[in-house]
Amino acid sequence: MVGSGFAGSLVAMIARKLGHSVVLLEKGRHPRFAIGESSTPLSNLLLETISERYDLPLLKPLSKWGTWQRTYPNIACGVKRGFSFFHHELGSPFRAFDADRQLHVAASPNDLIADTHWYRAEFDQLLVQQAQSVGVDYFENVDIRGAGSVDGVWHLETTQAAHERTFHVRFLIDATGPRGFLHKFLGLSETPLPDFPLTSALYNHFSGVGELATSRSLHAMETPYPVDASAVHHVFDGGWIWVLRFNNGITSAGVAATHQAAERLCLERKENAWNELLDSLPLVKNQFANAQVERPFAFARQLSFRSSAIAGSNWALLPSAAGFVDPILSTGFPLTLLGISRLGAILDQHWGSPQMETSLQEYAQQTDDELRATARLIGALYRNMDDFPTFRSLSVLYFAAASYSEVARRLNKPELASSFLLQDHPVFGPESRRLLTLAQGPMSATEKSRLTDNVYTLIRDFDVAGLGRRPANHSYPVEAADLFAAAPKLGSSAGEIEALLQRTGFYSAAHQQS
């Protein structure tokens, strides 16, 4: 295993639990800064499932805010109750009472079972330690000087503190991220993501960031959760800003934008560009008035990535190394955890058998299919960032698919949602692709209205979160009534829904301030 971010450590633990001898190689050392920090309900469910399936009980508390705080109070994270979006026109004051410029989608009814933002420096280090505790051999500050595969065995020539060592491994998994170790070593090419613009990103960690909710312009805003306890998105034509708060005083923030918008904003000028962007966003500037940067700004000139190959007979890229789209809907974690679950099943069921290579190719195809489905959706969002009503209706496709998938899996019916964004569902997949293709082109006001109506028609049979209500304030709480109403869509009874709510802790904080 090469790369000891959270994904590499998880796969290493799974392989060790399956009885394999596992070595985990890291070119740097922990703790270290890493981007990609916001979990989702599906991500946490997958983490919980991995914990139970492979007897890794130390992982399970990390799947909810409440159990995380009780079990690992010294590991920083942030509470994430949902997704909040605000639409801005650069250079203009934010019109707080214009509900049509907002979207708030809750992911939990209370803090105890809420999702989290992972402070990766401490989270990744914790998982490396847990990997070592189950018998994974871990080496850091390792330079891989040469690699080759002979007769199905990889030979990795390494240097660590002037000490040379060669590792011999039968199966090599790459968790080093986009354009990582195997992509470079094997000379794999990049291939474009369909219907997705070239994008750049500028980001950092800050201290001293104020709370958005204290802004005078937002004090009367109605949301189903405290807005700062969410993944906050500030959307403008061609780009968006994220703001994620941790409980250690640190806030992760950055901007992602199309190359055209990035050039217009001069993002390559880093801190100067960030400050100038804030000057054009009064609401966000006020929140960062007393903020201090914690490290030099990072600028990613080419954010998105897709590898031309993902697996071979004795190697595989994790989804996080096979491709990346954009952080806007926190899709990276569920994509990666789905891939980890599939690789774990291959190692468990097909290790050393003739079926293994076929299974790896199926894994590669599904990974690429889901990457492309994600790109189609987010590409359509970028195309419509100047038109927030259309942007909002397209985002409903994500929330409908994600919530349906989570509930189906929690009901032990994963066959209802075997792929990310339901991309291989015989109804949802083709129709969502058709709508997203339409959203990529020019549309009249009438066509945009028809597109929105078609989105809500499509989600009708998959809506388990009350998204079809379309309230005037565009605010969606988590309510048990929506799940009971959706029981027939999931082939379930009211009793099964009630058991699910009890099992997940939905009622565990009935009197908690939400």
Protein backbone atom coordinates (compact mmCIF):
# COMPACT_ATOMS: atom_id res chain seq x y z
CA MET A 1 0.00 0.00 0.00
CA VAL A 2 1.41 3.39 -1.04
CA GLY A 3 0.00 6.51 0.62
CA SER A 4 -1.17 6.79 4.24
CA GLY A 5 -4.05 9.22 4.04
CA PHE A 6 -7.29 8.01 5.60
CA ALA A 7 -8.11 5.87 2.54
CA GLY A 8 -4.74 4.10 2.46
CA SER A 9 -4.91 3.33 6.16
CA LEU A 10 -8.45 1.96 5.85
CA VAL A 11 -7.55 -0.42 3.04
CA ALA A 12 -4.41 -1.48 4.90
CA MET A 13 -6.51 -2.33 7.97
CA ILE A 14 -9.03 -4.28 5.89
CA ALA A 15 -6.30 -6.30 4.17
CA ARG A 16 -4.61 -7.05 7.50
CA LYS A 17 -7.90 -8.17 9.02
CA LEU A 18 -8.31 -10.53 6.07
CA GLY A 19 -5.03 -12.17 7.05
CA HIS A 20 -2.62 -10.55 4.62
CA SER A 21 0.83 -9.21 5.46
CA VAL A 22 0.53 -5.49 4.78
CA VAL A 23 3.12 -2.75 4.39
CA LEU A 24 2.06 0.91 4.27
CA LEU A 25 4.55 3.32 2.71
CA GLU A 26 4.39 7.10 3.13
CA LYS A 27 6.69 9.65 1.49
CA GLY A 28 5.96 12.28 4.17
CA ARG A 29 5.05 12.03 7.82
CA HIS A 30 2.10 12.70 10.10
CA PRO A 31 0.57 14.96 11.22
CA ARG A 32 0.29 16.84 7.95
CA PHE A 33 -2.06 19.25 6.19
CA ALA A 34 -4.57 17.65 3.83
CA ILE A 35 -7.59 18.96 1.97
CA GLY A 36 -10.86 17.04 1.57
CA GLU A 37 -12.58 17.37 4.91
CA SER A 38 -16.37 17.18 4.79
CA SER A 39 -18.25 13.93 5.39
CA THR A 40 -21.81 13.03 4.38
CA PRO A 41 -24.46 10.63 5.71
CA LEU A 42 -23.51 8.03 3.07
CA SER A 43 -19.81 8.42 3.89
CA ASN A 44 -20.43 7.84 7.58
CA LEU A 45 -22.66 4.85 6.90
CA LEU A 46 -19.96 3.29 4.72
CA LEU A 47 -17.36 3.91 7.44
CA GLU A 48 -19.66 2.29 9.98
CA THR A 49 -20.22 -0.69 7.68
CA ILE A 50 -16.48 -1.16 7.17
CA SER A 51 -16.01 -1.05 10.93
CA GLU A 52 -18.55 -3.81 11.48
CA ARG A 53 -17.69 -6.01 8.49
CA TYR A 54 -13.96 -6.17 9.23
CA ASP A 55 -14.06 -6.08 13.03
CA LEU A 56 -12.53 -2.62 13.35
CA PRO A 57 -14.48 -1.24 16.34
CA LEU A 58 -12.17 1.74 16.77
CA LEU A 59 -13.58 3.21 13.53
CA LYS A 60 -17.26 3.16 14.39
CA PRO A 61 -17.27 6.15 16.81
CA LEU A 62 -15.92 8.31 13.97
CA SER A 63 -19.19 7.93 12.04
CA LYS A 64 -21.18 10.40 14.20
CA TRP A 65 -20.43 13.69 15.94
CA GLY A 66 -21.73 12.48 19.33
CA THR A 67 -19.78 9.22 19.51
CA TRP A 68 -16.68 10.94 18.10
CA GLN A 69 -16.76 13.51 20.91
CA ARG A 70 -17.20 10.85 23.58
CA THR A 71 -14.51 8.51 22.22
CA TYR A 72 -11.94 10.82 20.64
CA PRO A 73 -12.40 14.25 22.28
CA ASN A 74 -8.80 15.20 21.49
CA ILE A 75 -9.13 14.60 17.73
CA ALA A 76 -10.39 17.82 16.17
CA CYS A 77 -13.40 17.82 13.89
CA GLY A 78 -16.38 19.98 13.06
CA VAL A 79 -20.08 19.31 13.35
CA LYS A 80 -21.88 19.16 10.00
CA ARG A 81 -25.65 19.30 10.20
CA GLY A 82 -26.20 19.88 6.51
CA PHE A 83 -25.42 21.86 3.36
CA SER A 84 -26.03 25.61 3.08
CA PHE A 85 -25.77 27.60 -0.15
CA PHE A 86 -25.82 31.38 -0.62
CA HIS A 87 -25.83 32.99 -4.04
CA HIS A 88 -23.87 36.21 -4.55
CA GLU A 89 -23.24 38.77 -7.23
CA LEU A 90 -19.62 39.86 -6.91
CA GLY A 91 -19.36 43.44 -5.73
CA SER A 92 -22.95 43.61 -4.46
CA PRO A 93 -24.27 43.27 -0.88
CA PHE A 94 -25.86 39.93 -0.12
CA ARG A 95 -29.65 40.21 -0.03
CA ALA A 96 -30.24 38.15 3.12
CA PHE A 97 -34.01 38.19 2.96
CA ASP A 98 -34.16 37.00 -0.64
CA ALA A 99 -34.92 33.33 0.04
CA ASP A 100 -34.53 32.57 -3.63
CA ARG A 101 -30.78 33.06 -3.18
CA GLN A 102 -30.46 30.37 -0.53
CA LEU A 103 -30.69 26.60 -0.07
CA HIS A 104 -30.42 24.71 3.23
CA VAL A 105 -30.61 20.91 3.28
CA ALA A 106 -30.30 19.17 6.64
CA ALA A 107 -28.52 15.84 6.93
CA SER A 108 -29.43 15.07 10.57
CA PRO A 109 -32.07 16.09 13.11
CA ASN A 110 -29.61 16.81 15.94
CA ASP A 111 -25.93 17.14 16.79
CA LEU A 112 -25.53 13.69 18.35
CA ILE A 113 -25.93 11.83 15.05
CA ALA A 114 -24.63 14.63 12.84
CA ASP A 115 -21.95 14.29 10.19
CA THR A 116 -18.53 15.81 10.68
CA HIS A 117 -15.74 17.77 9.06
CA TRP A 118 -12.53 15.80 9.44
CA TYR A 119 -9.49 17.77 10.57
CA ARG A 120 -7.28 15.65 8.40
CA ALA A 121 -3.96 16.28 10.14
CA GLU A 122 -5.25 14.54 13.27
CA PHE A 123 -7.79 12.22 11.62
CA ASP A 124 -5.28 10.70 9.20
CA GLN A 125 -2.70 10.31 11.94
CA LEU A 126 -5.25 8.51 14.12
CA LEU A 127 -6.03 6.04 11.35
CA VAL A 128 -2.33 5.35 10.74
CA GLN A 129 -1.98 4.56 14.44
CA GLN A 130 -5.01 2.28 14.29
CA ALA A 131 -3.56 0.53 11.25
CA GLN A 132 -0.36 -0.13 13.18
CA SER A 133 -2.39 -1.43 16.13
CA VAL A 134 -3.88 -4.21 13.98
CA GLY A 135 -0.50 -5.27 12.60
CA VAL A 136 0.13 -3.12 9.54
CA ASP A 137 3.84 -2.37 9.03
CA TYR A 138 4.13 1.40 8.54
CA PHE A 139 7.12 3.29 7.13
CA GLU A 140 7.23 7.06 6.67
CA ASN A 141 9.67 9.44 4.99
CA VAL A 142 10.09 6.76 2.33
CA ASP A 143 11.39 7.56 -1.15
CA ILE A 144 10.50 4.93 -3.75
CA ARG A 145 13.46 5.05 -6.12
CA GLY A 146 12.40 2.24 -8.41
CA ALA A 147 9.57 -0.20 -8.95
CA GLY A 148 8.88 -3.14 -11.20
CA SER A 149 6.58 -6.11 -11.49
CA VAL A 150 8.14 -9.50 -12.30
CA ASP A 151 6.10 -12.71 -12.43
CA GLY A 152 3.22 -11.01 -10.66
CA VAL A 153 5.32 -9.63 -7.81
CA TRP A 154 6.12 -5.95 -7.30
CA HIS A 155 9.63 -5.00 -6.23
CA LEU A 156 9.76 -1.55 -4.62
CA GLU A 157 13.25 -0.15 -4.10
CA THR A 158 13.13 2.44 -1.33
CA THR A 159 15.31 4.76 0.68
CA GLN A 160 14.46 5.86 4.21
CA ALA A 161 16.94 8.06 6.06
CA ALA A 162 19.78 6.74 3.87
CA HIS A 163 18.71 3.16 4.60
CA GLU A 164 17.91 1.16 1.48
CA ARG A 165 15.27 -1.54 1.49
CA THR A 166 13.39 -3.50 -1.19
CA PHE A 167 9.79 -4.51 -0.53
CA HIS A 168 8.27 -7.45 -2.41
CA VAL A 169 4.47 -7.30 -2.68
CA ARG A 170 1.93 -9.40 -4.58
CA PHE A 171 -0.67 -6.67 -4.88
CA LEU A 172 -0.06 -2.91 -4.92
CA ILE A 173 -2.76 -0.39 -4.03
CA ASP A 174 -2.18 3.31 -4.70
CA ALA A 175 -3.71 5.78 -2.26
CA THR A 176 -1.45 8.72 -3.13
CA GLY A 177 -4.17 10.88 -4.68
CA PRO A 178 -4.55 12.43 -8.15
CA ARG A 179 -1.48 12.16 -10.40
CA GLY A 180 0.08 9.97 -7.73
CA PHE A 181 2.71 7.24 -7.60
CA LEU A 182 1.35 4.57 -9.94
CA HIS A 183 -0.12 7.09 -12.36
CA LYS A 184 3.38 8.50 -12.86
CA PHE A 185 5.32 5.25 -12.62
CA LEU A 186 3.11 3.41 -15.13
CA GLY A 187 2.98 6.42 -17.41
CA LEU A 188 -0.81 6.52 -17.35
CA SER A 189 -2.38 9.34 -19.30
CA GLU A 190 -5.07 11.73 -18.16
CA THR A 191 -8.39 11.66 -19.91
CA PRO A 192 -10.96 14.47 -19.87
CA LEU A 193 -14.04 14.43 -17.69
CA PRO A 194 -17.07 14.77 -19.95
CA ASP A 195 -19.13 17.95 -19.67
CA PHE A 196 -16.85 19.36 -16.99
CA PRO A 197 -14.95 22.66 -17.19
CA LEU A 198 -11.28 23.04 -16.34
CA THR A 199 -11.10 24.38 -12.79
CA SER A 200 -8.58 25.79 -10.32
CA ALA A 201 -8.67 26.13 -6.53
CA LEU A 202 -7.10 28.34 -3.87
CA TYR A 203 -7.39 27.31 -0.22
CA ASN A 204 -6.04 27.52 3.31
CA HIS A 205 -6.72 27.03 7.00
CA PHE A 206 -7.57 30.09 9.09
CA SER A 207 -7.96 30.99 12.75
CA GLY A 208 -10.12 33.75 14.15
CA VAL A 209 -12.94 33.34 11.61
CA GLY A 210 -16.22 34.78 12.87
CA GLU A 211 -19.60 33.08 12.78
CA LEU A 212 -21.78 33.75 9.78
CA ALA A 213 -24.91 33.63 11.94
CA THR A 214 -23.78 36.72 13.90
CA SER A 215 -23.96 38.85 10.78
CA ARG A 216 -26.62 41.52 11.22
CA SER A 217 -27.93 40.76 7.75
CA LEU A 218 -28.53 37.10 8.64
CA HIS A 219 -29.77 37.26 12.22
CA ALA A 220 -33.38 36.52 11.25
CA MET A 221 -32.55 33.79 8.72
CA GLU A 222 -34.57 30.59 9.09
CA THR A 223 -32.55 27.39 8.72
CA PRO A 224 -33.11 23.84 10.03
CA TYR A 225 -29.79 23.99 11.92
CA PRO A 226 -27.26 26.64 13.05
CA VAL A 227 -25.85 27.73 9.70
CA ASP A 228 -22.24 27.65 10.92
CA ALA A 229 -22.70 23.97 11.82
CA SER A 230 -22.88 23.05 8.15
CA ALA A 231 -20.84 22.95 4.97
CA VAL A 232 -21.29 26.54 3.82
CA HIS A 233 -21.11 27.32 0.10
CA HIS A 234 -20.99 30.85 -1.31
CA VAL A 235 -21.83 30.57 -5.01
CA PHE A 236 -21.15 33.18 -7.71
CA ASP A 237 -20.85 33.18 -11.48
CA GLY A 238 -18.04 30.76 -12.37
CA GLY A 239 -17.07 29.65 -8.88
CA TRP A 240 -17.80 29.17 -5.21
CA ILE A 241 -16.25 29.49 -1.74
CA TRP A 242 -16.40 26.83 0.98
CA VAL A 243 -16.24 27.46 4.72
CA LEU A 244 -15.90 24.50 7.13
CA ARG A 245 -15.46 25.09 10.87
CA PHE A 246 -13.57 22.72 13.20
CA ASN A 247 -13.86 22.63 16.99
CA ASN A 248 -10.20 23.55 17.53
CA GLY A 249 -10.53 27.15 16.35
CA ILE A 250 -9.46 26.35 12.79
CA THR A 251 -11.63 26.99 9.73
CA SER A 252 -11.01 25.50 6.29
CA ALA A 253 -11.88 27.86 3.46
CA GLY A 254 -11.12 28.17 -0.20
CA VAL A 255 -12.42 28.98 -3.63
CA ALA A 256 -12.87 26.75 -6.67
CA ALA A 257 -13.54 28.33 -10.05
CA THR A 258 -13.49 27.68 -13.75
CA HIS A 259 -10.24 28.59 -15.47
CA GLN A 260 -11.93 31.65 -16.98
CA ALA A 261 -13.14 32.83 -13.56
CA ALA A 262 -9.82 31.93 -11.92
CA GLU A 263 -7.98 34.04 -14.48
CA ARG A 264 -10.39 36.90 -13.95
CA LEU A 265 -9.88 36.64 -10.17
CA CYS A 266 -6.09 36.17 -10.58
CA LEU A 267 -6.13 33.22 -8.19
CA GLU A 268 -2.49 32.47 -8.88
CA ARG A 269 -1.71 35.57 -6.80
CA LYS A 270 -2.82 33.50 -3.80
CA GLU A 271 -3.30 35.58 -0.62
CA ASN A 272 -3.73 38.84 -2.54
CA ALA A 273 -6.32 37.18 -4.75
CA TRP A 274 -8.17 35.80 -1.71
CA ASN A 275 -8.33 39.21 -0.07
CA GLU A 276 -9.52 40.86 -3.28
CA LEU A 277 -12.20 38.22 -3.70
CA LEU A 278 -13.43 38.87 -0.18
CA ASP A 279 -13.60 42.58 -1.02
CA SER A 280 -16.25 41.69 -3.60
CA LEU A 281 -18.23 39.54 -1.13
CA PRO A 282 -19.18 41.79 1.81
CA LEU A 283 -20.94 39.03 3.77
CA VAL A 284 -17.91 36.72 3.65
CA LYS A 285 -15.44 39.56 4.17
CA ASN A 286 -17.15 40.49 7.42
CA GLN A 287 -16.83 36.90 8.64
CA PHE A 288 -13.08 36.88 7.87
CA ALA A 289 -12.40 40.39 9.19
CA ASN A 290 -10.18 39.13 12.04
CA ALA A 291 -8.99 35.89 10.43
CA GLN A 292 -5.35 34.85 10.36
CA VAL A 293 -3.85 32.39 7.88
CA GLU A 294 -2.37 29.25 9.42
CA ARG A 295 -0.08 28.31 6.54
CA PRO A 296 0.86 29.52 3.06
CA PHE A 297 -2.01 29.46 0.57
CA ALA A 298 -2.20 26.43 -1.72
CA PHE A 299 -3.09 26.98 -5.37
CA ALA A 300 -4.16 24.05 -7.56
CA ARG A 301 -4.00 25.15 -11.17
CA GLN A 302 -5.76 22.02 -12.45
CA LEU A 303 -8.18 20.70 -9.85
CA SER A 304 -10.06 17.95 -11.69
CA PHE A 305 -8.39 14.72 -12.78
CA ARG A 306 -9.25 11.37 -14.39
CA SER A 307 -6.80 8.55 -14.98
CA SER A 308 -6.97 6.59 -18.23
CA ALA A 309 -6.53 3.30 -16.31
CA ILE A 310 -7.55 2.36 -12.77
CA ALA A 311 -6.56 -1.28 -12.18
CA GLY A 312 -4.46 -4.12 -13.56
CA SER A 313 -3.81 -7.75 -12.72
CA ASN A 314 -1.81 -6.96 -9.55
CA TRP A 315 -2.49 -3.27 -8.87
CA ALA A 316 -5.32 -0.85 -8.31
CA LEU A 317 -5.83 2.87 -7.79
CA LEU A 318 -8.23 3.86 -5.05
CA PRO A 319 -10.99 6.17 -6.36
CA SER A 320 -9.18 9.10 -4.74
CA ALA A 321 -6.13 8.31 -6.90
CA ALA A 322 -8.16 7.42 -10.00
CA GLY A 323 -9.86 10.78 -10.29
CA PHE A 324 -11.22 13.90 -8.68
CA VAL A 325 -14.00 16.24 -9.71
CA ASP A 326 -14.69 19.05 -7.23
CA PRO A 327 -15.38 19.48 -3.51
CA ILE A 328 -18.73 21.27 -3.94
CA LEU A 329 -21.03 18.40 -2.87
CA SER A 330 -18.54 16.50 -0.69
CA THR A 331 -18.56 13.64 -3.20
CA GLY A 332 -14.94 12.59 -2.69
CA PHE A 333 -15.47 10.70 0.56
CA PRO A 334 -18.41 8.52 -0.53
CA LEU A 335 -16.75 7.75 -3.88
CA THR A 336 -13.58 6.67 -2.09
CA LEU A 337 -15.36 4.68 0.61
CA LEU A 338 -17.49 2.88 -1.97
CA GLY A 339 -14.28 1.91 -3.76
CA ILE A 340 -12.65 0.78 -0.53
CA SER A 341 -15.67 -1.40 0.23
CA ARG A 342 -15.51 -2.97 -3.25
CA LEU A 343 -11.77 -3.61 -3.06
CA GLY A 344 -12.23 -5.13 0.37
CA ALA A 345 -14.81 -7.54 -1.06
CA ILE A 346 -12.43 -8.48 -3.91
CA LEU A 347 -9.59 -9.19 -1.48
CA ASP A 348 -11.95 -11.21 0.67
CA GLN A 349 -13.73 -13.22 -2.01
CA HIS A 350 -11.35 -13.49 -4.97
CA TRP A 351 -7.78 -13.29 -3.67
CA GLY A 352 -5.57 -15.61 -5.70
CA SER A 353 -8.43 -16.84 -7.87
CA PRO A 354 -8.90 -16.48 -11.66
CA GLN A 355 -11.91 -14.26 -10.90
CA MET A 356 -9.77 -11.60 -9.24
CA GLU A 357 -8.58 -9.90 -12.43
CA THR A 358 -12.13 -9.80 -13.82
CA SER A 359 -13.37 -8.34 -10.54
CA LEU A 360 -10.68 -5.68 -10.64
CA GLN A 361 -11.72 -4.64 -14.12
CA GLU A 362 -15.33 -4.43 -12.95
CA TYR A 363 -14.12 -2.31 -10.02
CA ALA A 364 -12.23 -0.03 -12.43
CA GLN A 365 -15.26 0.36 -14.70
CA GLN A 366 -17.63 1.17 -11.83
CA THR A 367 -15.15 3.63 -10.36
CA ASP A 368 -14.86 5.42 -13.69
CA ASP A 369 -18.63 5.34 -14.30
CA GLU A 370 -19.29 6.97 -10.94
CA LEU A 371 -16.56 9.54 -11.50
CA ARG A 372 -18.13 10.52 -14.82
CA ALA A 373 -21.62 10.65 -13.29
CA THR A 374 -20.31 13.00 -10.61
CA ALA A 375 -18.64 15.17 -13.25
CA ARG A 376 -21.87 15.41 -15.25
CA LEU A 377 -23.77 16.69 -12.24
CA ILE A 378 -21.15 19.13 -10.96
CA GLY A 379 -20.39 20.31 -14.48
CA ALA A 380 -24.05 21.26 -14.86
CA LEU A 381 -23.87 23.11 -11.54
CA TYR A 382 -20.86 25.13 -12.74
CA ARG A 383 -22.67 25.89 -15.99
CA ASN A 384 -25.56 27.42 -14.00
CA MET A 385 -23.82 29.21 -11.13
CA ASP A 386 -25.07 32.50 -12.54
CA ASP A 387 -28.68 31.24 -12.34
CA PHE A 388 -29.30 30.09 -8.79
CA PRO A 389 -32.86 28.75 -9.22
CA THR A 390 -31.59 26.37 -11.91
CA PHE A 391 -28.47 25.58 -9.86
CA ARG A 392 -30.67 24.78 -6.88
CA SER A 393 -33.02 22.49 -8.81
CA LEU A 394 -30.06 20.56 -10.27
CA SER A 395 -28.56 20.11 -6.81
CA VAL A 396 -31.79 18.40 -5.78
CA LEU A 397 -30.77 15.49 -8.02
CA TYR A 398 -27.78 14.95 -5.74
CA PHE A 399 -29.71 15.24 -2.49
CA ALA A 400 -32.47 12.92 -3.72
CA ALA A 401 -30.03 10.24 -4.91
CA ALA A 402 -27.76 10.50 -1.85
CA SER A 403 -30.55 10.36 0.73
CA TYR A 404 -32.32 7.50 -1.06
CA SER A 405 -29.05 5.54 -1.20
CA GLU A 406 -28.34 6.09 2.48
CA VAL A 407 -31.79 4.99 3.64
CA ALA A 408 -31.82 1.97 1.32
CA ARG A 409 -28.51 0.80 2.75
CA ARG A 410 -29.63 1.44 6.32
CA LEU A 411 -32.65 -0.76 5.60
CA ASN A 412 -30.22 -3.49 4.44
CA LYS A 413 -31.41 -3.10 0.86
CA PRO A 414 -28.20 -2.01 -0.91
CA GLU A 415 -29.45 -3.56 -4.16
CA LEU A 416 -31.84 -0.59 -4.45
CA ALA A 417 -28.88 1.79 -4.69
CA SER A 418 -25.76 -0.08 -5.74
CA SER A 419 -24.08 2.90 -7.42
CA PHE A 420 -23.25 6.46 -6.49
CA LEU A 421 -25.88 9.00 -7.57
CA LEU A 422 -28.01 6.04 -8.69
CA GLN A 423 -26.13 6.31 -12.00
CA ASP A 424 -26.82 2.70 -12.96
CA HIS A 425 -30.49 2.74 -11.88
CA PRO A 426 -32.60 1.91 -14.96
CA VAL A 427 -34.86 4.96 -14.45
CA PHE A 428 -32.93 7.53 -12.45
CA GLY A 429 -29.65 7.05 -14.31
CA PRO A 430 -30.75 7.69 -17.91
CA GLU A 431 -33.23 10.43 -17.05
CA SER A 432 -30.78 12.34 -14.84
CA ARG A 433 -28.18 12.12 -17.62
CA ARG A 434 -30.71 13.56 -20.07
CA LEU A 435 -31.57 16.46 -17.77
CA LEU A 436 -27.93 17.23 -16.99
CA THR A 437 -27.12 17.26 -20.71
CA LEU A 438 -29.90 19.79 -21.27
CA ALA A 439 -28.56 21.89 -18.40
CA GLN A 440 -25.17 22.16 -20.12
CA GLY A 441 -26.61 24.09 -23.06
CA PRO A 442 -28.28 27.47 -23.47
CA MET A 443 -31.86 27.51 -22.20
CA SER A 444 -34.69 29.98 -22.40
CA ALA A 445 -36.66 30.89 -19.28
CA THR A 446 -39.39 28.49 -20.38
CA GLU A 447 -36.89 25.67 -20.89
CA LYS A 448 -35.35 26.29 -17.46
CA SER A 449 -38.77 26.12 -15.86
CA ARG A 450 -39.51 22.88 -17.70
CA LEU A 451 -36.14 21.47 -16.62
CA THR A 452 -36.94 22.21 -12.98
CA ASP A 453 -40.36 20.57 -13.29
CA ASN A 454 -38.74 17.51 -14.87
CA VAL A 455 -36.23 17.27 -12.00
CA TYR A 456 -39.02 17.17 -9.43
CA THR A 457 -40.97 14.69 -11.52
CA LEU A 458 -37.91 12.43 -11.66
CA ILE A 459 -37.18 12.49 -7.93
CA ARG A 460 -40.80 11.75 -6.96
CA ASP A 461 -40.19 7.99 -6.66
CA PHE A 462 -36.83 8.47 -4.89
CA ASP A 463 -37.56 11.37 -2.56
CA VAL A 464 -37.19 10.27 1.07
CA ALA A 465 -36.31 13.72 2.45
CA GLY A 466 -39.30 15.89 1.57
CA LEU A 467 -37.46 17.56 -1.29
CA GLY A 468 -40.61 17.57 -3.39
CA ARG A 469 -42.33 20.01 -1.04
CA ARG A 470 -40.39 22.90 -2.61
CA PRO A 471 -40.93 25.32 0.33
CA ALA A 472 -40.70 29.05 -0.30
CA ASN A 473 -37.67 29.41 2.00
CA HIS A 474 -35.83 26.51 0.27
CA SER A 475 -35.05 25.03 3.68
CA TYR A 476 -35.34 21.28 4.27
CA PRO A 477 -35.20 19.82 7.81
CA VAL A 478 -34.86 16.10 8.54
CA GLU A 479 -38.27 14.82 9.58
CA ALA A 480 -39.42 11.31 10.47
CA ALA A 481 -42.69 11.89 8.62
CA ASP A 482 -40.84 12.07 5.31
CA LEU A 483 -39.27 8.65 5.89
CA PHE A 484 -42.59 7.07 6.85
CA ALA A 485 -44.20 8.56 3.73
CA ALA A 486 -41.34 7.14 1.61
CA ALA A 487 -41.61 3.58 2.96
CA PRO A 488 -43.37 2.22 -0.17
CA LYS A 489 -40.61 3.66 -2.40
CA LEU A 490 -38.16 1.49 -0.48
CA GLY A 491 -40.33 -1.62 -0.37
CA SER A 492 -40.56 -1.24 3.39
CA SER A 493 -43.18 -1.12 6.10
CA ALA A 494 -43.79 1.58 8.69
CA GLY A 495 -42.41 -0.84 11.26
CA GLU A 496 -39.12 -1.13 9.38
CA ILE A 497 -38.85 2.65 9.20
CA GLU A 498 -39.55 2.92 12.93
CA ALA A 499 -36.87 0.34 13.66
CA LEU A 500 -34.41 2.25 11.48
CA LEU A 501 -35.10 5.50 13.35
CA GLN A 502 -34.60 3.76 16.69
CA ARG A 503 -31.45 2.01 15.51
CA THR A 504 -29.79 5.16 14.16
CA GLY A 505 -30.48 7.30 17.21
CA PHE A 506 -32.96 9.58 15.46
CA TYR A 507 -34.96 9.88 18.70
CA SER A 508 -31.95 9.82 21.02
CA ALA A 509 -31.96 13.58 21.49
CA ALA A 510 -35.64 14.42 21.18
CA HIS A 511 -35.27 17.26 23.64
CA GLN A 512 -31.90 18.45 22.36
CA GLN A 513 -31.79 21.96 20.98
CA SER A 514 -31.46 21.47 17.20
